[in-house]
């Protein structure tokens, strides 16, 4: 990047923001991509694409290895996702409502 890009965005009541299109394009960010924030001692924040943490997180790597071994040893336990699976999930979450615009209480930051 030869020309610096400067943009602004606003925090919502839920401390969320939209990354401006020019920044998304410069970082080649797509939906569901992870972002890394680095806070410098002078108060600047550096935003970058996050690396694939699965390769670096030993707990996640061990868990995925466990799943792989279990599936190899017990292939009979593998079941397809069916319409019935979705019905089961819908029963589990019935009556649960989430308001993404709900204002968080002050102590929810901790």
N, C-alpha and C. Protein backbone atom coordinates (compact mmCIF):
# COMPACT_ATOMS: atom_id res chain seq x y z
N UNK A 1 0.84 -1.17 0.00
CA UNK A 1 0.00 0.00 0.00
C UNK A 1 0.88 1.23 0.00
N UNK A 2 0.85 1.99 -1.04
CA UNK A 2 1.70 3.17 -1.12
C UNK A 2 0.99 4.41 -0.56
N UNK A 3 -0.30 4.53 -0.78
CA UNK A 3 -1.05 5.68 -0.30
C UNK A 3 -1.75 5.32 1.01
N UNK A 4 -1.49 6.08 2.08
CA UNK A 4 -2.18 5.77 3.34
C UNK A 4 -3.69 5.96 3.20
N UNK A 5 -4.43 5.10 3.86
CA UNK A 5 -5.88 5.21 3.86
C UNK A 5 -6.30 5.54 5.28
N UNK A 6 -7.11 6.57 5.43
CA UNK A 6 -7.65 6.93 6.74
C UNK A 6 -9.16 6.96 6.62
N UNK A 7 -9.82 6.31 7.57
CA UNK A 7 -11.27 6.25 7.58
C UNK A 7 -11.77 6.41 9.01
N UNK A 8 -13.05 6.62 9.17
CA UNK A 8 -13.69 6.71 10.49
C UNK A 8 -14.87 5.75 10.52
N UNK A 9 -15.19 5.26 11.72
CA UNK A 9 -16.41 4.50 11.93
C UNK A 9 -16.92 4.82 13.32
N UNK A 10 -18.15 4.41 13.61
CA UNK A 10 -18.80 4.74 14.88
C UNK A 10 -19.15 3.47 15.63
N UNK A 11 -19.02 3.50 16.95
CA UNK A 11 -19.42 2.36 17.77
C UNK A 11 -20.92 2.42 18.04
N UNK A 12 -21.56 1.26 17.97
CA UNK A 12 -22.97 1.16 18.34
C UNK A 12 -23.08 1.04 19.86
N UNK A 13 -24.30 0.99 20.36
CA UNK A 13 -24.50 0.80 21.80
C UNK A 13 -23.95 -0.52 22.29
N UNK A 14 -23.77 -1.47 21.38
CA UNK A 14 -23.23 -2.79 21.73
C UNK A 14 -21.73 -2.86 21.43
N UNK A 15 -21.09 -1.73 21.25
CA UNK A 15 -19.64 -1.64 20.99
C UNK A 15 -19.24 -2.33 19.69
N UNK A 16 -20.12 -2.31 18.71
CA UNK A 16 -19.81 -2.88 17.41
C UNK A 16 -19.59 -1.75 16.43
N UNK A 17 -18.86 -2.05 15.36
CA UNK A 17 -18.62 -1.05 14.33
C UNK A 17 -18.54 -1.75 12.97
N UNK A 18 -18.66 -0.99 11.93
CA UNK A 18 -18.49 -1.49 10.57
C UNK A 18 -17.13 -1.03 10.07
N UNK A 19 -16.38 -1.95 9.51
CA UNK A 19 -15.08 -1.59 8.94
C UNK A 19 -15.35 -0.97 7.57
N UNK A 20 -14.86 0.24 7.35
CA UNK A 20 -15.11 0.91 6.07
C UNK A 20 -14.67 0.06 4.87
N UNK A 21 -15.39 0.19 3.78
CA UNK A 21 -15.15 -0.61 2.58
C UNK A 21 -13.71 -0.49 2.09
N UNK A 22 -13.14 0.70 2.13
CA UNK A 22 -11.77 0.86 1.62
C UNK A 22 -10.78 0.06 2.46
N UNK A 23 -11.01 -0.04 3.76
CA UNK A 23 -10.13 -0.83 4.64
C UNK A 23 -10.35 -2.32 4.39
N UNK A 24 -11.62 -2.73 4.27
CA UNK A 24 -11.91 -4.15 3.97
C UNK A 24 -11.24 -4.57 2.67
N UNK A 25 -11.32 -3.71 1.66
CA UNK A 25 -10.72 -4.05 0.36
C UNK A 25 -9.19 -4.10 0.47
N UNK A 26 -8.60 -3.14 1.17
CA UNK A 26 -7.14 -3.11 1.30
C UNK A 26 -6.61 -4.34 2.03
N UNK A 27 -7.37 -4.82 3.05
CA UNK A 27 -6.95 -5.99 3.82
C UNK A 27 -7.50 -7.30 3.24
N UNK A 28 -8.28 -7.17 2.14
CA UNK A 28 -8.91 -8.34 1.50
C UNK A 28 -9.74 -9.14 2.51
N UNK A 29 -10.52 -8.41 3.32
CA UNK A 29 -11.37 -9.04 4.31
C UNK A 29 -12.68 -9.48 3.68
N UNK A 30 -13.12 -10.64 4.10
CA UNK A 30 -14.42 -11.17 3.65
C UNK A 30 -15.27 -11.43 4.88
N UNK A 31 -16.53 -11.69 4.67
CA UNK A 31 -17.43 -12.01 5.78
C UNK A 31 -16.88 -13.17 6.58
N UNK A 32 -17.00 -13.08 7.88
CA UNK A 32 -16.59 -14.11 8.85
C UNK A 32 -15.07 -14.17 9.04
N UNK A 33 -14.29 -13.33 8.34
CA UNK A 33 -12.85 -13.28 8.59
C UNK A 33 -12.61 -12.75 9.99
N UNK A 34 -11.51 -13.15 10.57
CA UNK A 34 -11.13 -12.67 11.89
C UNK A 34 -10.17 -11.50 11.75
N UNK A 35 -10.24 -10.59 12.74
CA UNK A 35 -9.42 -9.39 12.72
C UNK A 35 -8.54 -9.39 13.97
N UNK A 36 -7.30 -8.93 13.81
CA UNK A 36 -6.37 -8.82 14.93
C UNK A 36 -6.18 -7.34 15.24
N UNK A 37 -6.25 -7.00 16.54
CA UNK A 37 -6.00 -5.63 16.99
C UNK A 37 -4.74 -5.63 17.84
N UNK A 38 -3.84 -4.68 17.59
CA UNK A 38 -2.65 -4.52 18.41
C UNK A 38 -2.64 -3.08 18.92
N UNK A 39 -2.64 -2.92 20.24
CA UNK A 39 -2.62 -1.60 20.85
C UNK A 39 -1.18 -1.22 21.15
N UNK A 40 -0.73 -0.11 20.57
CA UNK A 40 0.64 0.37 20.79
C UNK A 40 0.68 1.28 22.02
N UNK A 41 1.87 1.47 22.56
CA UNK A 41 2.03 2.26 23.79
C UNK A 41 1.61 3.71 23.60
N UNK A 42 1.63 4.20 22.37
CA UNK A 42 1.24 5.59 22.12
C UNK A 42 -0.27 5.75 21.90
N UNK A 43 -1.03 4.66 22.07
CA UNK A 43 -2.48 4.72 21.93
C UNK A 43 -2.99 4.35 20.55
N UNK A 44 -2.10 4.16 19.59
CA UNK A 44 -2.52 3.75 18.26
C UNK A 44 -2.95 2.28 18.29
N UNK A 45 -3.92 1.98 17.45
CA UNK A 45 -4.36 0.59 17.29
C UNK A 45 -4.07 0.17 15.86
N UNK A 46 -3.43 -0.98 15.71
CA UNK A 46 -3.14 -1.51 14.38
C UNK A 46 -4.12 -2.66 14.14
N UNK A 47 -4.87 -2.55 13.07
CA UNK A 47 -5.85 -3.56 12.70
C UNK A 47 -5.29 -4.35 11.52
N UNK A 48 -5.34 -5.67 11.60
CA UNK A 48 -4.85 -6.51 10.50
C UNK A 48 -5.68 -7.79 10.43
N UNK A 49 -5.50 -8.50 9.32
CA UNK A 49 -6.15 -9.81 9.20
C UNK A 49 -5.56 -10.73 10.25
N UNK A 50 -6.40 -11.51 10.90
CA UNK A 50 -5.90 -12.46 11.89
C UNK A 50 -5.36 -13.69 11.18
N UNK A 51 -4.31 -14.25 11.75
CA UNK A 51 -3.77 -15.50 11.20
C UNK A 51 -4.68 -16.63 11.63
N UNK A 52 -4.56 -17.76 10.96
CA UNK A 52 -5.38 -18.92 11.30
C UNK A 52 -4.94 -19.45 12.65
N UNK A 53 -5.71 -19.11 13.69
CA UNK A 53 -5.34 -19.49 15.05
C UNK A 53 -5.41 -20.99 15.29
N UNK A 54 -6.17 -21.69 14.47
CA UNK A 54 -6.28 -23.14 14.67
C UNK A 54 -4.91 -23.80 14.55
N UNK A 55 -4.03 -23.23 13.76
CA UNK A 55 -2.70 -23.79 13.60
C UNK A 55 -1.82 -23.50 14.80
N UNK A 56 -2.19 -22.51 15.61
CA UNK A 56 -1.34 -22.07 16.70
C UNK A 56 -1.94 -22.30 18.08
N UNK A 57 -3.19 -22.70 18.16
CA UNK A 57 -3.85 -22.89 19.44
C UNK A 57 -3.73 -24.36 19.83
N UNK A 58 -2.86 -24.70 20.80
CA UNK A 58 -2.64 -26.11 21.13
C UNK A 58 -3.88 -26.80 21.67
N UNK A 59 -4.74 -26.08 22.37
CA UNK A 59 -5.96 -26.70 22.90
C UNK A 59 -6.88 -27.08 21.75
N UNK A 60 -7.07 -26.17 20.79
CA UNK A 60 -7.92 -26.46 19.65
C UNK A 60 -7.33 -27.57 18.79
N UNK A 61 -6.03 -27.53 18.57
CA UNK A 61 -5.37 -28.56 17.77
C UNK A 61 -5.55 -29.93 18.44
N UNK A 62 -5.35 -30.00 19.75
CA UNK A 62 -5.53 -31.27 20.46
C UNK A 62 -6.97 -31.75 20.40
N UNK A 63 -7.92 -30.83 20.52
CA UNK A 63 -9.34 -31.21 20.44
C UNK A 63 -9.66 -31.75 19.05
N UNK A 64 -9.19 -31.08 18.00
CA UNK A 64 -9.45 -31.55 16.64
C UNK A 64 -8.78 -32.90 16.39
N UNK A 65 -7.58 -33.10 16.93
CA UNK A 65 -6.92 -34.40 16.81
C UNK A 65 -7.72 -35.49 17.52
N UNK A 66 -8.26 -35.16 18.70
CA UNK A 66 -9.11 -36.10 19.43
C UNK A 66 -10.33 -36.49 18.59
N UNK A 67 -10.99 -35.49 18.00
CA UNK A 67 -12.16 -35.78 17.15
C UNK A 67 -11.78 -36.67 15.97
N UNK A 68 -10.66 -36.37 15.35
CA UNK A 68 -10.21 -37.17 14.21
C UNK A 68 -9.98 -38.62 14.62
N UNK A 69 -9.28 -38.84 15.73
CA UNK A 69 -9.02 -40.21 16.21
C UNK A 69 -10.32 -40.93 16.54
N UNK A 70 -11.24 -40.21 17.20
CA UNK A 70 -12.51 -40.81 17.59
C UNK A 70 -13.32 -41.23 16.36
N UNK A 71 -13.33 -40.39 15.33
CA UNK A 71 -14.06 -40.71 14.11
C UNK A 71 -13.43 -41.89 13.37
N UNK A 72 -12.11 -42.00 13.44
CA UNK A 72 -11.44 -43.13 12.79
C UNK A 72 -11.70 -44.43 13.54
N UNK A 73 -11.74 -44.37 14.87
CA UNK A 73 -11.94 -45.58 15.69
C UNK A 73 -13.41 -45.98 15.72
N UNK A 74 -14.31 -44.99 15.69
CA UNK A 74 -15.75 -45.27 15.79
C UNK A 74 -16.52 -44.65 14.62
N UNK A 75 -16.26 -45.10 13.40
CA UNK A 75 -16.96 -44.51 12.25
C UNK A 75 -18.47 -44.74 12.30
N UNK A 76 -18.90 -45.74 13.06
CA UNK A 76 -20.33 -46.01 13.17
C UNK A 76 -21.07 -44.89 13.90
N UNK A 77 -20.33 -44.04 14.60
CA UNK A 77 -20.95 -42.93 15.33
C UNK A 77 -21.26 -41.74 14.43
N UNK A 78 -20.76 -41.74 13.22
CA UNK A 78 -20.99 -40.63 12.30
C UNK A 78 -22.42 -40.73 11.77
N UNK A 79 -23.19 -39.65 11.98
CA UNK A 79 -24.57 -39.62 11.50
C UNK A 79 -24.76 -38.41 10.60
N UNK A 80 -25.54 -38.56 9.55
CA UNK A 80 -25.79 -37.40 8.69
C UNK A 80 -26.72 -36.40 9.37
N UNK A 81 -26.60 -35.15 8.97
CA UNK A 81 -27.53 -34.12 9.45
C UNK A 81 -28.80 -34.29 8.62
N UNK A 82 -29.90 -34.44 9.32
CA UNK A 82 -31.19 -34.66 8.65
C UNK A 82 -32.16 -33.54 9.01
N UNK A 83 -33.31 -33.58 8.39
CA UNK A 83 -34.36 -32.62 8.74
C UNK A 83 -34.73 -32.77 10.21
N UNK A 84 -34.68 -33.98 10.71
CA UNK A 84 -34.96 -34.23 12.12
C UNK A 84 -33.95 -33.55 13.03
N UNK A 85 -32.70 -33.47 12.58
CA UNK A 85 -31.67 -32.79 13.37
C UNK A 85 -32.04 -31.32 13.56
N UNK A 86 -32.56 -30.71 12.50
CA UNK A 86 -32.96 -29.31 12.59
C UNK A 86 -34.15 -29.14 13.52
N UNK A 87 -35.06 -30.11 13.50
CA UNK A 87 -36.22 -30.06 14.40
C UNK A 87 -35.74 -30.14 15.85
N UNK A 88 -34.77 -31.02 16.13
CA UNK A 88 -34.22 -31.14 17.48
C UNK A 88 -33.62 -29.82 17.94
N UNK A 89 -32.86 -29.18 17.06
CA UNK A 89 -32.23 -27.91 17.40
C UNK A 89 -33.30 -26.85 17.65
N UNK A 90 -34.31 -26.80 16.81
CA UNK A 90 -35.38 -25.82 16.99
C UNK A 90 -36.08 -26.02 18.33
N UNK A 91 -36.25 -27.26 18.75
CA UNK A 91 -36.86 -27.53 20.06
C UNK A 91 -35.96 -27.03 21.19
N UNK A 92 -34.65 -27.20 21.02
CA UNK A 92 -33.71 -26.77 22.06
C UNK A 92 -33.68 -25.25 22.23
N UNK A 93 -33.88 -24.52 21.15
CA UNK A 93 -33.78 -23.06 21.22
C UNK A 93 -35.14 -22.37 21.22
N UNK A 94 -36.21 -23.15 21.29
CA UNK A 94 -37.56 -22.57 21.28
C UNK A 94 -37.72 -21.61 22.45
N UNK A 95 -38.27 -20.46 22.18
CA UNK A 95 -38.53 -19.47 23.22
C UNK A 95 -37.35 -18.59 23.57
N UNK A 96 -36.22 -18.83 22.98
CA UNK A 96 -35.05 -18.00 23.25
C UNK A 96 -35.02 -16.87 22.22
N UNK A 97 -35.06 -15.64 22.73
CA UNK A 97 -35.03 -14.49 21.84
C UNK A 97 -33.78 -13.68 22.11
N UNK A 98 -33.15 -13.20 21.06
CA UNK A 98 -31.94 -12.38 21.18
C UNK A 98 -32.18 -11.08 20.44
N UNK A 99 -31.96 -9.98 21.14
CA UNK A 99 -32.09 -8.66 20.53
C UNK A 99 -30.69 -8.10 20.36
N UNK A 100 -30.16 -8.13 19.13
CA UNK A 100 -28.81 -7.65 18.87
C UNK A 100 -28.66 -6.15 19.05
N UNK A 101 -29.77 -5.44 19.12
CA UNK A 101 -29.71 -3.99 19.32
C UNK A 101 -29.88 -3.60 20.79
N UNK A 102 -30.08 -4.58 21.67
CA UNK A 102 -30.28 -4.30 23.09
C UNK A 102 -29.04 -3.62 23.67
N UNK A 103 -29.26 -2.55 24.43
CA UNK A 103 -28.16 -1.82 25.05
C UNK A 103 -27.63 -2.65 26.21
N UNK A 104 -26.31 -2.81 26.26
CA UNK A 104 -25.68 -3.55 27.34
C UNK A 104 -25.60 -2.70 28.59
N UNK A 105 -25.68 -3.36 29.74
CA UNK A 105 -25.49 -2.64 31.00
C UNK A 105 -24.03 -2.24 31.12
N UNK A 106 -23.76 -1.22 31.90
CA UNK A 106 -22.39 -0.72 32.04
C UNK A 106 -21.41 -1.78 32.48
N UNK A 107 -21.80 -2.69 33.39
CA UNK A 107 -20.87 -3.70 33.90
C UNK A 107 -20.69 -4.86 32.94
N UNK A 108 -21.34 -4.85 31.79
CA UNK A 108 -21.16 -5.93 30.79
C UNK A 108 -19.83 -5.80 30.06
N UNK A 109 -19.11 -4.71 30.23
CA UNK A 109 -17.82 -4.53 29.57
C UNK A 109 -16.74 -5.38 30.20
N UNK A 110 -16.92 -5.82 31.39
CA UNK A 110 -15.87 -6.54 32.12
C UNK A 110 -15.88 -8.00 31.80
